[in-house]
Amino acid sequence: MTTSSRILTRVIGLATAGALALTLAACSGGSSSNPSDPAYTSNYKTPAPVAYAPLTGVALAAGTTVGPALSVKICNVFACEPQDGLNQADVVFEEIVEGGITRYVGIWNATVPVSVGPVRSLRPMDADIAAPFGGIIAYSGYGAQETRDLAVDTGLVNVTENDPAMYRNDYNVAPYNLMLHAQEVIAANPGLAPPAQQWAYSATLASSTAAQDGTPASAVQSIFSNQSDNTWTYDAGSGRYLRTQWEAADVDLTGAQLSAANIIVMRVNVDEFVGVPRTRMVDSGEAFVLSGGKVVHGTWSKASTAAPIQFKADNGVTIRLAPGNSWIEMVPNESYVPGGSVTITP
């Protein structure tokens, strides 16, 4: 039940070259200009179509297909570490919750690991985050009914801890040990559409908007509260940002440090819904997009629950991300959390 061959998939993002051009050679005793003539020859062939992962912009190997998006609510406290599968996520959102701590919404599509977790309960903004990606949203059964209703109303397949694909690991303490068999839950929900492309991507890291038009950014620190902060530091050798949290390298279950091709920091407004913090997603605000050791400043906006987030530079042009995975840090404005801040190191 856990092999990738069980996933029902569809090819998306086909990019094909233009119409076939034929050049016919004519010479004495040369090729015929009549395609039905056995002597007819052509030096041109139809290029093979190329598929791109819709949530990373990475070209897929020939014959690779992509299935639905899987959004999972992931824990982020000491008792939940190390998490499983975060380095394989196409996109990760980090959000503030009660007590000044944060949680993640991880979204898997191009690469789906065997398992992900630990899985935790929904918060009010999660429906707005997951809805544009479609597919499946998975979470524990705790949390307010009003919040769960928001997720159900999106039309996504909702998977909770009574699902057969959920299980408890033996290395964390309950309730911080709920895990999801990710490939299994996708296979159990056939026929779901692949996600729509959310953002613009460049063909290469060097041609991303930040790398081309940005200013140097060797690191970015996001302070969510006096309980939670993280820093992403650029590694020129890999062309990726590496994450530290709580003054140490932030690693996954394999021991690998969490990394990303793109770091996006959204400054967000936060209010409350049924007594817990709610990041206002249908809104707009300041944004910083980091790729290739540089940063471009701009704005983010989201028109509705079902609409994707738009990222635009200060000149109004849509920001092109580098091919690869993205982490989105949704840092509260100080009106809700005093001390919430973003610091860019050149």
C-alpha atoms as a PDB file:
ATOM      1  CA  MET A   1       0.000   0.000   0.000  1.00  0.00           C
ATOM      2  CA  THR A   2       2.980   2.367   0.275  1.00  0.00           C
ATOM      3  CA  THR A   3       4.769   2.218  -3.051  1.00  0.00           C
ATOM      4  CA  SER A   4       4.614   5.141  -5.447  1.00  0.00           C
ATOM      5  CA  SER A   5       3.398   2.798  -8.172  1.00  0.00           C
ATOM      6  CA  ARG A   6       0.065   2.655  -6.366  1.00  0.00           C
ATOM      7  CA  ILE A   7      -0.587   6.373  -6.849  1.00  0.00           C
ATOM      8  CA  LEU A   8      -3.152   7.199  -9.505  1.00  0.00           C
ATOM      9  CA  THR A   9      -1.683  10.024 -11.498  1.00  0.00           C
ATOM     10  CA  ARG A  10      -2.223  12.342 -14.362  1.00  0.00           C
ATOM     11  CA  VAL A  11       0.211  14.203 -16.568  1.00  0.00           C
ATOM     12  CA  ILE A  12      -0.026  17.940 -16.110  1.00  0.00           C
ATOM     13  CA  GLY A  13       1.788  20.990 -17.343  1.00  0.00           C
ATOM     14  CA  LEU A  14       2.624  19.745 -20.815  1.00  0.00           C
ATOM     15  CA  ALA A  15       4.757  22.196 -22.731  1.00  0.00           C
ATOM     16  CA  THR A  16       5.202  21.390 -26.378  1.00  0.00           C
ATOM     17  CA  ALA A  17       7.270  23.033 -29.048  1.00  0.00           C
ATOM     18  CA  GLY A  18       5.734  24.786 -32.043  1.00  0.00           C
ATOM     19  CA  ALA A  19       4.507  23.161 -35.227  1.00  0.00           C
ATOM     20  CA  LEU A  20       6.774  20.773 -37.050  1.00  0.00           C
ATOM     21  CA  ALA A  21       8.858  22.425 -39.769  1.00  0.00           C
ATOM     22  CA  LEU A  22       9.786  20.318 -42.735  1.00  0.00           C
ATOM     23  CA  THR A  23      12.644  21.082 -45.056  1.00  0.00           C
ATOM     24  CA  LEU A  24      12.752  19.100 -48.251  1.00  0.00           C
ATOM     25  CA  ALA A  25      16.028  18.744 -50.077  1.00  0.00           C
ATOM     26  CA  ALA A  26      15.913  18.818 -53.836  1.00  0.00           C
ATOM     27  CA  CYS A  27      18.826  17.754 -55.966  1.00  0.00           C
ATOM     28  CA  SER A  28      19.470  15.604 -59.045  1.00  0.00           C
ATOM     29  CA  GLY A  29      18.647  12.099 -57.887  1.00  0.00           C
ATOM     30  CA  GLY A  30      17.897  13.507 -54.393  1.00  0.00           C
ATOM     31  CA  SER A  31      14.845  13.191 -52.165  1.00  0.00           C
ATOM     32  CA  SER A  32      11.328  13.437 -53.485  1.00  0.00           C
ATOM     33  CA  SER A  33       9.134  16.337 -52.331  1.00  0.00           C
ATOM     34  CA  ASN A  34       6.174  13.963 -52.106  1.00  0.00           C
ATOM     35  CA  PRO A  35       5.794  12.590 -48.535  1.00  0.00           C
ATOM     36  CA  SER A  36       4.155   9.440 -49.923  1.00  0.00           C
ATOM     37  CA  ASP A  37       7.231   8.661 -52.032  1.00  0.00           C
ATOM     38  CA  PRO A  38       9.585   6.097 -50.364  1.00  0.00           C
ATOM     39  CA  ALA A  39      12.474   8.408 -51.261  1.00  0.00           C
ATOM     40  CA  TYR A  40      10.958  11.222 -49.149  1.00  0.00           C
ATOM     41  CA  THR A  41      13.153  12.231 -46.180  1.00  0.00           C
ATOM     42  CA  SER A  42      12.926  14.782 -43.384  1.00  0.00           C
ATOM     43  CA  ASN A  43      15.621  15.903 -40.987  1.00  0.00           C
ATOM     44  CA  TYR A  44      13.102  17.032 -38.344  1.00  0.00           C
ATOM     45  CA  LYS A  45      11.183  15.158 -35.694  1.00  0.00           C
ATOM     46  CA  THR A  46       8.378  16.224 -33.382  1.00  0.00           C
ATOM     47  CA  PRO A  47       9.927  17.156 -30.029  1.00  0.00           C
ATOM     48  CA  ALA A  48       8.819  15.024 -27.086  1.00  0.00           C
ATOM     49  CA  PRO A  49       6.457  16.845 -24.687  1.00  0.00           C
ATOM     50  CA  VAL A  50       7.897  17.955 -21.359  1.00  0.00           C
ATOM     51  CA  ALA A  51       5.932  17.761 -18.105  1.00  0.00           C
ATOM     52  CA  TYR A  52       6.547  20.182 -15.249  1.00  0.00           C
ATOM     53  CA  ALA A  53       5.676  19.738 -11.597  1.00  0.00           C
ATOM     54  CA  PRO A  54       2.942  22.327 -11.012  1.00  0.00           C
ATOM     55  CA  LEU A  55       4.028  23.269  -7.481  1.00  0.00           C
ATOM     56  CA  THR A  56       7.806  23.438  -8.059  1.00  0.00           C
ATOM     57  CA  GLY A  57       8.281  24.272 -11.752  1.00  0.00           C
ATOM     58  CA  VAL A  58      10.822  21.443 -12.078  1.00  0.00           C
ATOM     59  CA  ALA A  59      10.870  19.492 -15.346  1.00  0.00           C
ATOM     60  CA  LEU A  60       9.861  15.882 -14.793  1.00  0.00           C
ATOM     61  CA  ALA A  61      11.562  12.881 -16.314  1.00  0.00           C
ATOM     62  CA  ALA A  62       9.887  11.502 -19.426  1.00  0.00           C
ATOM     63  CA  GLY A  63       6.901   9.371 -18.534  1.00  0.00           C
ATOM     64  CA  THR A  64       6.546  10.813 -15.037  1.00  0.00           C
ATOM     65  CA  THR A  65       3.015  11.632 -14.000  1.00  0.00           C
ATOM     66  CA  VAL A  66       1.698  13.743 -11.142  1.00  0.00           C
ATOM     67  CA  GLY A  67      -1.296  13.093  -8.922  1.00  0.00           C
ATOM     68  CA  PRO A  68      -3.373  15.249  -6.567  1.00  0.00           C
ATOM     69  CA  ALA A  69      -2.023  17.571  -3.907  1.00  0.00           C
ATOM     70  CA  LEU A  70      -1.886  16.324  -0.325  1.00  0.00           C
ATOM     71  CA  SER A  71      -2.043  19.027   2.361  1.00  0.00           C
ATOM     72  CA  VAL A  72      -1.229  17.911   5.909  1.00  0.00           C
ATOM     73  CA  LYS A  73      -1.223  19.832   9.188  1.00  0.00           C
ATOM     74  CA  ILE A  74       2.185  19.235  10.798  1.00  0.00           C
ATOM     75  CA  CYS A  75       3.324  19.859  14.367  1.00  0.00           C
ATOM     76  CA  ASN A  76       6.237  22.167  15.267  1.00  0.00           C
ATOM     77  CA  VAL A  77       7.220  21.816  18.923  1.00  0.00           C
ATOM     78  CA  PHE A  78      10.103  19.957  20.577  1.00  0.00           C
ATOM     79  CA  ALA A  79       7.871  16.958  21.342  1.00  0.00           C
ATOM     80  CA  CYS A  80       7.150  16.510  17.626  1.00  0.00           C
ATOM     81  CA  GLU A  81      10.714  16.512  16.392  1.00  0.00           C
ATOM     82  CA  PRO A  82      12.061  15.229  14.164  1.00  0.00           C
ATOM     83  CA  GLN A  83       9.294  15.557  11.585  1.00  0.00           C
ATOM     84  CA  ASP A  84       8.995  13.112   8.718  1.00  0.00           C
ATOM     85  CA  GLY A  85       8.684  14.145   5.064  1.00  0.00           C
ATOM     86  CA  LEU A  86       9.112  17.925   5.266  1.00  0.00           C
ATOM     87  CA  ASN A  87      12.115  17.949   2.928  1.00  0.00           C
ATOM     88  CA  GLN A  88      10.004  16.246   0.248  1.00  0.00           C
ATOM     89  CA  ALA A  89       7.155  18.779   0.445  1.00  0.00           C
ATOM     90  CA  ASP A  90       6.647  20.998  -2.588  1.00  0.00           C
ATOM     91  CA  VAL A  91       5.429  23.851  -0.370  1.00  0.00           C
ATOM     92  CA  VAL A  92       5.385  24.419   3.398  1.00  0.00           C
ATOM     93  CA  PHE A  93       3.461  27.215   5.116  1.00  0.00           C
ATOM     94  CA  GLU A  94       4.417  28.216   8.668  1.00  0.00           C
ATOM     95  CA  GLU A  95       1.715  29.929  10.728  1.00  0.00           C
ATOM     96  CA  ILE A  96       1.339  31.220  14.267  1.00  0.00           C
ATOM     97  CA  VAL A  97      -1.075  29.425  16.592  1.00  0.00           C
ATOM     98  CA  GLU A  98      -1.984  29.837  20.251  1.00  0.00           C
ATOM     99  CA  GLY A  99       0.752  30.325  22.823  1.00  0.00           C
ATOM    100  CA  GLY A 100       3.058  31.977  20.294  1.00  0.00           C
ATOM    101  CA  ILE A 101       4.162  28.636  18.798  1.00  0.00           C
ATOM    102  CA  THR A 102       3.864  27.751  15.125  1.00  0.00           C
ATOM    103  CA  ARG A 103       2.549  24.885  13.020  1.00  0.00           C
ATOM    104  CA  TYR A 104       3.011  23.908   9.397  1.00  0.00           C
ATOM    105  CA  VAL A 105       0.792  23.086   6.471  1.00  0.00           C
ATOM    106  CA  GLY A 106       2.908  20.841   4.256  1.00  0.00           C
ATOM    107  CA  ILE A 107       1.790  20.238   0.668  1.00  0.00           C
ATOM    108  CA  TRP A 108       3.098  17.218  -1.244  1.00  0.00           C
ATOM    109  CA  ASN A 109       2.667  16.544  -4.945  1.00  0.00           C
ATOM    110  CA  ALA A 110       5.762  15.964  -7.119  1.00  0.00           C
ATOM    111  CA  THR A 111       7.359  13.657  -4.548  1.00  0.00           C
ATOM    112  CA  VAL A 112       5.147  11.871  -2.042  1.00  0.00           C
ATOM    113  CA  PRO A 113       7.026  10.090   0.770  1.00  0.00           C
ATOM    114  CA  VAL A 114       5.819   6.909   2.435  1.00  0.00           C
ATOM    115  CA  SER A 115       4.779   8.765   5.579  1.00  0.00           C
ATOM    116  CA  VAL A 116       4.517  12.319   6.911  1.00  0.00           C
ATOM    117  CA  GLY A 117       3.947  13.805  10.340  1.00  0.00           C
ATOM    118  CA  PRO A 118       3.477  14.221  13.218  1.00  0.00           C
ATOM    119  CA  VAL A 119      -0.042  15.328  12.285  1.00  0.00           C
ATOM    120  CA  ARG A 120      -1.915  17.907  14.360  1.00  0.00           C
ATOM    121  CA  SER A 121      -5.272  19.659  14.322  1.00  0.00           C
ATOM    122  CA  LEU A 122      -6.522  22.384  12.004  1.00  0.00           C
ATOM    123  CA  ARG A 123      -6.556  26.093  12.615  1.00  0.00           C
ATOM    124  CA  PRO A 124      -8.959  28.587  10.973  1.00  0.00           C
ATOM    125  CA  MET A 125      -6.604  29.730   8.180  1.00  0.00           C
ATOM    126  CA  ASP A 126      -5.809  26.209   6.968  1.00  0.00           C
ATOM    127  CA  ALA A 127      -8.866  25.974   4.723  1.00  0.00           C
ATOM    128  CA  ASP A 128      -7.796  29.176   2.948  1.00  0.00           C
ATOM    129  CA  ILE A 129      -4.250  27.834   2.576  1.00  0.00           C
ATOM    130  CA  ALA A 130      -5.150  24.386   1.210  1.00  0.00           C
ATOM    131  CA  ALA A 131      -8.196  25.182  -0.943  1.00  0.00           C
ATOM    132  CA  PRO A 132      -6.347  26.436  -4.089  1.00  0.00           C
ATOM    133  CA  PHE A 133      -4.268  23.254  -4.248  1.00  0.00           C
ATOM    134  CA  GLY A 134      -7.272  20.915  -4.309  1.00  0.00           C
ATOM    135  CA  GLY A 135      -6.949  17.202  -3.563  1.00  0.00           C
ATOM    136  CA  ILE A 136      -6.757  16.037   0.048  1.00  0.00           C
ATOM    137  CA  ILE A 137      -6.365  17.740   3.423  1.00  0.00           C
ATOM    138  CA  ALA A 138      -5.351  15.621   6.424  1.00  0.00           C
ATOM    139  CA  TYR A 139      -5.364  16.532  10.129  1.00  0.00           C
ATOM    140  CA  SER A 140      -6.040  15.146  13.581  1.00  0.00           C
ATOM    141  CA  GLY A 141      -9.609  15.144  14.867  1.00  0.00           C
ATOM    142  CA  TYR A 142      -9.055  17.738  17.565  1.00  0.00           C
ATOM    143  CA  GLY A 143      -9.856  21.424  17.231  1.00  0.00           C
ATOM    144  CA  ALA A 144     -13.077  23.375  16.988  1.00  0.00           C
ATOM    145  CA  GLN A 145     -15.942  22.016  14.900  1.00  0.00           C
ATOM    146  CA  GLU A 146     -16.298  25.447  13.278  1.00  0.00           C
ATOM    147  CA  THR A 147     -12.715  25.169  12.023  1.00  0.00           C
ATOM    148  CA  ARG A 148     -13.262  21.659  10.663  1.00  0.00           C
ATOM    149  CA  ASP A 149     -16.396  22.906   8.914  1.00  0.00           C
ATOM    150  CA  LEU A 150     -14.289  25.474   7.028  1.00  0.00           C
ATOM    151  CA  ALA A 151     -12.123  22.661   5.657  1.00  0.00           C
ATOM    152  CA  VAL A 152     -15.118  20.546   4.672  1.00  0.00           C
ATOM    153  CA  ASP A 153     -16.669  23.514   2.878  1.00  0.00           C
ATOM    154  CA  THR A 154     -13.650  23.749   0.536  1.00  0.00           C
ATOM    155  CA  GLY A 155     -14.707  20.521  -1.192  1.00  0.00           C
ATOM    156  CA  LEU A 156     -11.326  18.893  -0.505  1.00  0.00           C
ATOM    157  CA  VAL A 157     -11.253  15.279   0.638  1.00  0.00           C
ATOM    158  CA  ASN A 158     -10.949  15.572   4.436  1.00  0.00           C
ATOM    159  CA  VAL A 159      -8.929  12.831   6.173  1.00  0.00           C
ATOM    160  CA  THR A 160      -8.827  12.637   9.975  1.00  0.00           C
ATOM    161  CA  GLU A 161      -7.263  10.327  12.521  1.00  0.00           C
ATOM    162  CA  ASN A 162      -9.947   7.640  12.239  1.00  0.00           C
ATOM    163  CA  ASP A 163      -8.819   7.013   8.649  1.00  0.00           C
ATOM    164  CA  PRO A 164      -6.987   3.695   8.069  1.00  0.00           C
ATOM    165  CA  ALA A 165      -4.007   5.621   6.669  1.00  0.00           C
ATOM    166  CA  MET A 166      -3.361   7.268  10.059  1.00  0.00           C
ATOM    167  CA  TYR A 167      -1.148   5.525  12.611  1.00  0.00           C
ATOM    168  CA  ARG A 168       0.936   6.214  15.730  1.00  0.00           C
ATOM    169  CA  ASN A 169       4.728   6.107  15.630  1.00  0.00           C
ATOM    170  CA  ASP A 170       6.799   4.567  18.426  1.00  0.00           C
ATOM    171  CA  TYR A 171       9.362   7.339  18.886  1.00  0.00           C
ATOM    172  CA  ASN A 172       7.210  10.326  19.949  1.00  0.00           C
ATOM    173  CA  VAL A 173       4.868  10.635  22.914  1.00  0.00           C
ATOM    174  CA  ALA A 174       1.108  10.907  22.287  1.00  0.00           C
ATOM    175  CA  PRO A 175      -0.555  13.083  21.116  1.00  0.00           C
ATOM    176  CA  TYR A 176       2.572  14.117  19.201  1.00  0.00           C
ATOM    177  CA  ASN A 177       2.998  10.792  17.383  1.00  0.00           C
ATOM    178  CA  LEU A 178       0.103  10.714  14.900  1.00  0.00           C
ATOM    179  CA  MET A 179       1.415   9.955  11.400  1.00  0.00           C
ATOM    180  CA  LEU A 180      -0.047   9.593   7.920  1.00  0.00           C
ATOM    181  CA  HIS A 181       0.720   6.942   5.306  1.00  0.00           C
ATOM    182  CA  ALA A 182       0.870   9.564   2.549  1.00  0.00           C
ATOM    183  CA  GLN A 183       1.054   7.325  -0.513  1.00  0.00           C
ATOM    184  CA  GLU A 184      -1.644   5.063   0.901  1.00  0.00           C
ATOM    185  CA  VAL A 185      -4.156   7.862   1.424  1.00  0.00           C
ATOM    186  CA  ILE A 186      -3.671   9.128  -2.140  1.00  0.00           C
ATOM    187  CA  ALA A 187      -4.160   5.615  -3.535  1.00  0.00           C
ATOM    188  CA  ALA A 188      -7.348   5.281  -1.482  1.00  0.00           C
ATOM    189  CA  ASN A 189      -8.832   8.383  -3.130  1.00  0.00           C
ATOM    190  CA  PRO A 190      -8.554   7.790  -6.892  1.00  0.00           C
ATOM    191  CA  GLY A 191      -9.742  10.179  -9.563  1.00  0.00           C
ATOM    192  CA  LEU A 192      -8.688  13.432  -7.890  1.00  0.00           C
ATOM    193  CA  ALA A 193      -7.412  16.148 -10.210  1.00  0.00           C
ATOM    194  CA  PRO A 194      -3.801  17.322 -10.080  1.00  0.00           C
ATOM    195  CA  PRO A 195      -3.230  20.779  -8.587  1.00  0.00           C
ATOM    196  CA  ALA A 196      -3.264  23.899 -10.696  1.00  0.00           C
ATOM    197  CA  GLN A 197       0.014  25.774 -10.989  1.00  0.00           C
ATOM    198  CA  GLN A 198      -0.006  28.419  -8.259  1.00  0.00           C
ATOM    199  CA  TRP A 199       2.924  30.686  -9.120  1.00  0.00           C
ATOM    200  CA  ALA A 200       5.244  31.712 -11.940  1.00  0.00           C
ATOM    201  CA  TYR A 201       8.558  29.858 -12.183  1.00  0.00           C
ATOM    202  CA  SER A 202      11.766  30.661 -13.991  1.00  0.00           C
ATOM    203  CA  ALA A 203      13.576  28.089 -16.104  1.00  0.00           C
ATOM    204  CA  THR A 204      16.698  28.301 -13.915  1.00  0.00           C
ATOM    205  CA  LEU A 205      17.749  29.593 -10.518  1.00  0.00           C
ATOM    206  CA  ALA A 206      19.771  32.356 -12.183  1.00  0.00           C
ATOM    207  CA  SER A 207      16.736  33.628 -14.096  1.00  0.00           C
ATOM    208  CA  SER A 208      14.426  33.853 -11.064  1.00  0.00           C
ATOM    209  CA  THR A 209      13.231  37.352 -10.223  1.00  0.00           C
ATOM    210  CA  ALA A 210      15.163  37.547  -6.950  1.00  0.00           C
ATOM    211  CA  ALA A 211      18.409  36.282  -8.483  1.00  0.00           C
ATOM    212  CA  GLN A 212      18.144  38.667 -11.434  1.00  0.00           C
ATOM    213  CA  ASP A 213      16.676  41.810  -9.881  1.00  0.00           C
ATOM    214  CA  GLY A 214      17.153  41.414  -6.122  1.00  0.00           C
ATOM    215  CA  THR A 215      19.686  42.616  -3.595  1.00  0.00           C
ATOM    216  CA  PRO A 216      22.034  40.322  -1.627  1.00  0.00           C
ATOM    217  CA  ALA A 217      20.347  38.216   1.057  1.00  0.00           C
ATOM    218  CA  SER A 218      22.595  35.671   2.746  1.00  0.00           C
ATOM    219  CA  ALA A 219      20.021  34.996   5.474  1.00  0.00           C
ATOM    220  CA  VAL A 220      16.549  35.876   6.696  1.00  0.00           C
ATOM    221  CA  GLN A 221      15.291  35.635  10.262  1.00  0.00           C
ATOM    222  CA  SER A 222      11.555  35.431  10.935  1.00  0.00           C
ATOM    223  CA  ILE A 223      10.414  36.136  14.487  1.00  0.00           C
ATOM    224  CA  PHE A 224       6.818  35.007  15.049  1.00  0.00           C
ATOM    225  CA  SER A 225       6.787  35.657  18.805  1.00  0.00           C
ATOM    226  CA  ASN A 226       9.030  35.363  21.846  1.00  0.00           C
ATOM    227  CA  GLN A 227       8.370  31.611  21.615  1.00  0.00           C
ATOM    228  CA  SER A 228       9.143  30.992  17.972  1.00  0.00           C
ATOM    229  CA  ASP A 229      11.683  32.138  15.401  1.00  0.00           C
ATOM    230  CA  ASN A 230      13.753  30.622  12.621  1.00  0.00           C
ATOM    231  CA  THR A 231      16.580  31.576  10.283  1.00  0.00           C
ATOM    232  CA  TRP A 232      17.240  30.516   6.690  1.00  0.00           C
ATOM    233  CA  THR A 233      20.882  30.840   5.575  1.00  0.00           C
ATOM    234  CA  TYR A 234      21.964  30.661   1.942  1.00  0.00           C
ATOM    235  CA  ASP A 235      24.342  27.869   0.941  1.00  0.00           C
ATOM    236  CA  ALA A 236      26.008  28.908  -2.313  1.00  0.00           C
ATOM    237  CA  GLY A 237      27.281  25.395  -2.983  1.00  0.00           C
ATOM    238  CA  SER A 238      23.786  23.918  -3.226  1.00  0.00           C
ATOM    239  CA  GLY A 239      21.974  27.087  -4.271  1.00  0.00           C
ATOM    240  CA  ARG A 240      19.525  26.511  -1.408  1.00  0.00           C
ATOM    241  CA  TYR A 241      18.580  28.058   1.925  1.00  0.00           C
ATOM    242  CA  LEU A 242      19.157  25.957   5.074  1.00  0.00           C
ATOM    243  CA  ARG A 243      16.930  26.232   8.131  1.00  0.00           C
ATOM    244  CA  THR A 244      17.887  26.671  11.774  1.00  0.00           C
ATOM    245  CA  GLN A 245      15.428  26.807  14.655  1.00  0.00           C
ATOM    246  CA  TRP A 246      15.947  27.118  18.400  1.00  0.00           C
ATOM    247  CA  GLU A 247      19.628  27.871  17.747  1.00  0.00           C
ATOM    248  CA  ALA A 248      20.344  24.581  15.993  1.00  0.00           C
ATOM    249  CA  ALA A 249      20.092  23.048  12.553  1.00  0.00           C
ATOM    250  CA  ASP A 250      16.484  22.040  11.894  1.00  0.00           C
ATOM    251  CA  VAL A 251      16.628  18.444  10.635  1.00  0.00           C
ATOM    252  CA  ASP A 252      14.092  15.868   9.509  1.00  0.00           C
ATOM    253  CA  LEU A 253      13.768  12.216  10.511  1.00  0.00           C
ATOM    254  CA  THR A 254      16.634  11.236   8.187  1.00  0.00           C
ATOM    255  CA  GLY A 255      18.965  13.761   9.825  1.00  0.00           C
ATOM    256  CA  ALA A 256      19.039  16.031   6.764  1.00  0.00           C
ATOM    257  CA  GLN A 257      18.778  19.759   7.393  1.00  0.00           C
ATOM    258  CA  LEU A 258      15.569  21.300   6.069  1.00  0.00           C
ATOM    259  CA  SER A 259      16.258  23.268   2.890  1.00  0.00           C
ATOM    260  CA  ALA A 260      14.410  25.207   0.208  1.00  0.00           C
ATOM    261  CA  ALA A 261      15.005  26.793  -3.178  1.00  0.00           C
ATOM    262  CA  ASN A 262      12.690  29.700  -2.346  1.00  0.00           C
ATOM    263  CA  ILE A 263      11.911  31.419   0.945  1.00  0.00           C
ATOM    264  CA  ILE A 264       8.852  33.656   0.906  1.00  0.00           C
ATOM    265  CA  VAL A 265       8.073  35.836   3.911  1.00  0.00           C
ATOM    266  CA  MET A 266       4.555  37.238   4.106  1.00  0.00           C
ATOM    267  CA  ARG A 267       3.746  39.900   6.683  1.00  0.00           C
ATOM    268  CA  VAL A 268       0.215  39.035   7.752  1.00  0.00           C
ATOM    269  CA  ASN A 269      -2.623  40.388   9.836  1.00  0.00           C
ATOM    270  CA  VAL A 270      -3.901  38.089  12.557  1.00  0.00           C
ATOM    271  CA  ASP A 271      -7.244  38.105  14.371  1.00  0.00           C
ATOM    272  CA  GLU A 272      -9.125  35.421  16.316  1.00  0.00           C
ATOM    273  CA  PHE A 273     -11.684  32.794  15.364  1.00  0.00           C
ATOM    274  CA  VAL A 274     -13.353  30.602  18.026  1.00  0.00           C
ATOM    275  CA  GLY A 275     -10.700  31.672  20.517  1.00  0.00           C
ATOM    276  CA  VAL A 276      -7.529  30.911  18.526  1.00  0.00           C
ATOM    277  CA  PRO A 277      -5.291  33.018  16.250  1.00  0.00           C
ATOM    278  CA  ARG A 278      -6.373  33.226  12.625  1.00  0.00           C
ATOM    279  CA  THR A 279      -3.964  34.442   9.955  1.00  0.00           C
ATOM    280  CA  ARG A 280      -6.063  36.507   7.551  1.00  0.00           C
ATOM    281  CA  MET A 281      -5.353  34.858   4.218  1.00  0.00           C
ATOM    282  CA  VAL A 282      -7.967  36.654   2.097  1.00  0.00           C
ATOM    283  CA  ASP A 283      -6.038  39.883   2.449  1.00  0.00           C
ATOM    284  CA  SER A 284      -2.818  41.509   1.226  1.00  0.00           C
ATOM    285  CA  GLY A 285       0.461  42.720   2.634  1.00  0.00           C
ATOM    286  CA  GLU A 286       4.215  43.064   2.379  1.00  0.00           C
ATOM    287  CA  ALA A 287       6.319  40.221   0.968  1.00  0.00           C
ATOM    288  CA  PHE A 288       9.993  39.275   0.678  1.00  0.00           C
ATOM    289  CA  VAL A 289      10.995  36.566  -1.822  1.00  0.00           C
ATOM    290  CA  LEU A 290      14.466  35.021  -1.564  1.00  0.00           C
ATOM    291  CA  SER A 291      16.123  32.856  -4.232  1.00  0.00           C
ATOM    292  CA  GLY A 292      19.757  32.355  -5.182  1.00  0.00           C
ATOM    293  CA  GLY A 293      21.182  34.416  -2.329  1.00  0.00           C
ATOM    294  CA  LYS A 294      19.156  37.517  -3.189  1.00  0.00           C
ATOM    295  CA  VAL A 295      15.854  39.050  -2.145  1.00  0.00           C
ATOM    296  CA  VAL A 296      13.184  40.997  -3.972  1.00  0.00           C
ATOM    297  CA  HIS A 297      10.638  43.106  -2.090  1.00  0.00           C
ATOM    298  CA  GLY A 298       6.998  43.250  -3.059  1.00  0.00           C
ATOM    299  CA  THR A 299       3.456  42.437  -2.039  1.00  0.00           C
ATOM    300  CA  TRP A 300       1.222  39.401  -1.645  1.00  0.00           C
ATOM    301  CA  SER A 301      -2.536  39.227  -2.141  1.00  0.00           C
ATOM    302  CA  LYS A 302      -5.262  36.598  -2.112  1.00  0.00           C
ATOM    303  CA  ALA A 303      -8.726  37.375  -3.493  1.00  0.00           C
ATOM    304  CA  SER A 304     -10.758  34.477  -2.069  1.00  0.00           C
ATOM    305  CA  THR A 305     -10.500  31.138  -0.302  1.00  0.00           C
ATOM    306  CA  ALA A 306     -10.193  29.285  -3.621  1.00  0.00           C
ATOM    307  CA  ALA A 307      -7.805  31.800  -5.234  1.00  0.00           C
ATOM    308  CA  PRO A 308      -4.015  31.282  -5.216  1.00  0.00           C
ATOM    309  CA  ILE A 309      -1.756  33.789  -3.495  1.00  0.00           C
ATOM    310  CA  GLN A 310      -0.207  36.287  -5.886  1.00  0.00           C
ATOM    311  CA  PHE A 311       3.316  37.635  -5.400  1.00  0.00           C
ATOM    312  CA  LYS A 312       4.304  40.845  -7.175  1.00  0.00           C
ATOM    313  CA  ALA A 313       7.460  42.931  -7.042  1.00  0.00           C
ATOM    314  CA  ASP A 314       7.327  46.612  -6.165  1.00  0.00           C
ATOM    315  CA  ASN A 315       7.199  47.435  -9.884  1.00  0.00           C
ATOM    316  CA  GLY A 316       3.969  45.443 -10.206  1.00  0.00           C
ATOM    317  CA  VAL A 317       5.480  42.548 -12.167  1.00  0.00           C
ATOM    318  CA  THR A 318       4.675  38.966 -11.117  1.00  0.00           C
ATOM    319  CA  ILE A 319       7.604  37.403  -9.237  1.00  0.00           C
ATOM    320  CA  ARG A 320       9.136  34.310 -10.830  1.00  0.00           C
ATOM    321  CA  LEU A 321      10.281  31.709  -8.305  1.00  0.00           C
ATOM    322  CA  ALA A 322      13.304  29.482  -8.848  1.00  0.00           C
ATOM    323  CA  PRO A 323      12.540  25.874  -9.786  1.00  0.00           C
ATOM    324  CA  GLY A 324      12.248  23.834  -6.593  1.00  0.00           C
ATOM    325  CA  ASN A 325      10.426  23.723  -3.278  1.00  0.00           C
ATOM    326  CA  SER A 326       9.257  26.787  -1.350  1.00  0.00           C
ATOM    327  CA  TRP A 327       8.797  27.623   2.335  1.00  0.00           C
ATOM    328  CA  ILE A 328       6.348  30.385   3.155  1.00  0.00           C
ATOM    329  CA  GLU A 329       6.821  32.124   6.498  1.00  0.00           C
ATOM    330  CA  MET A 330       3.647  33.997   7.503  1.00  0.00           C
ATOM    331  CA  VAL A 331       5.013  36.417  10.088  1.00  0.00           C
ATOM    332  CA  PRO A 332       2.422  38.381  12.105  1.00  0.00           C
ATOM    333  CA  ASN A 333       2.431  42.143  11.977  1.00  0.00           C
ATOM    334  CA  GLU A 334       3.245  43.735  15.309  1.00  0.00           C
ATOM    335  CA  SER A 335      -0.356  44.840  15.785  1.00  0.00           C
ATOM    336  CA  TYR A 336      -1.112  41.261  16.884  1.00  0.00           C
ATOM    337  CA  VAL A 337       2.213  39.956  18.190  1.00  0.00           C
ATOM    338  CA  PRO A 338       4.575  42.571  19.613  1.00  0.00           C
ATOM    339  CA  GLY A 339       8.079  41.798  18.429  1.00  0.00           C
ATOM    340  CA  GLY A 340       7.054  39.971  15.274  1.00  0.00           C
ATOM    341  CA  SER A 341       9.701  40.934  12.739  1.00  0.00           C
ATOM    342  CA  VAL A 342      11.697  40.032   9.635  1.00  0.00           C
ATOM    343  CA  THR A 343      15.450  40.680   9.371  1.00  0.00           C
ATOM    344  CA  ILE A 344      17.351  40.291   6.099  1.00  0.00           C
ATOM    345  CA  THR A 345      21.121  39.869   6.264  1.00  0.00           C
ATOM    346  CA  PRO A 346      22.911  41.033   3.070  1.00  0.00           C
END
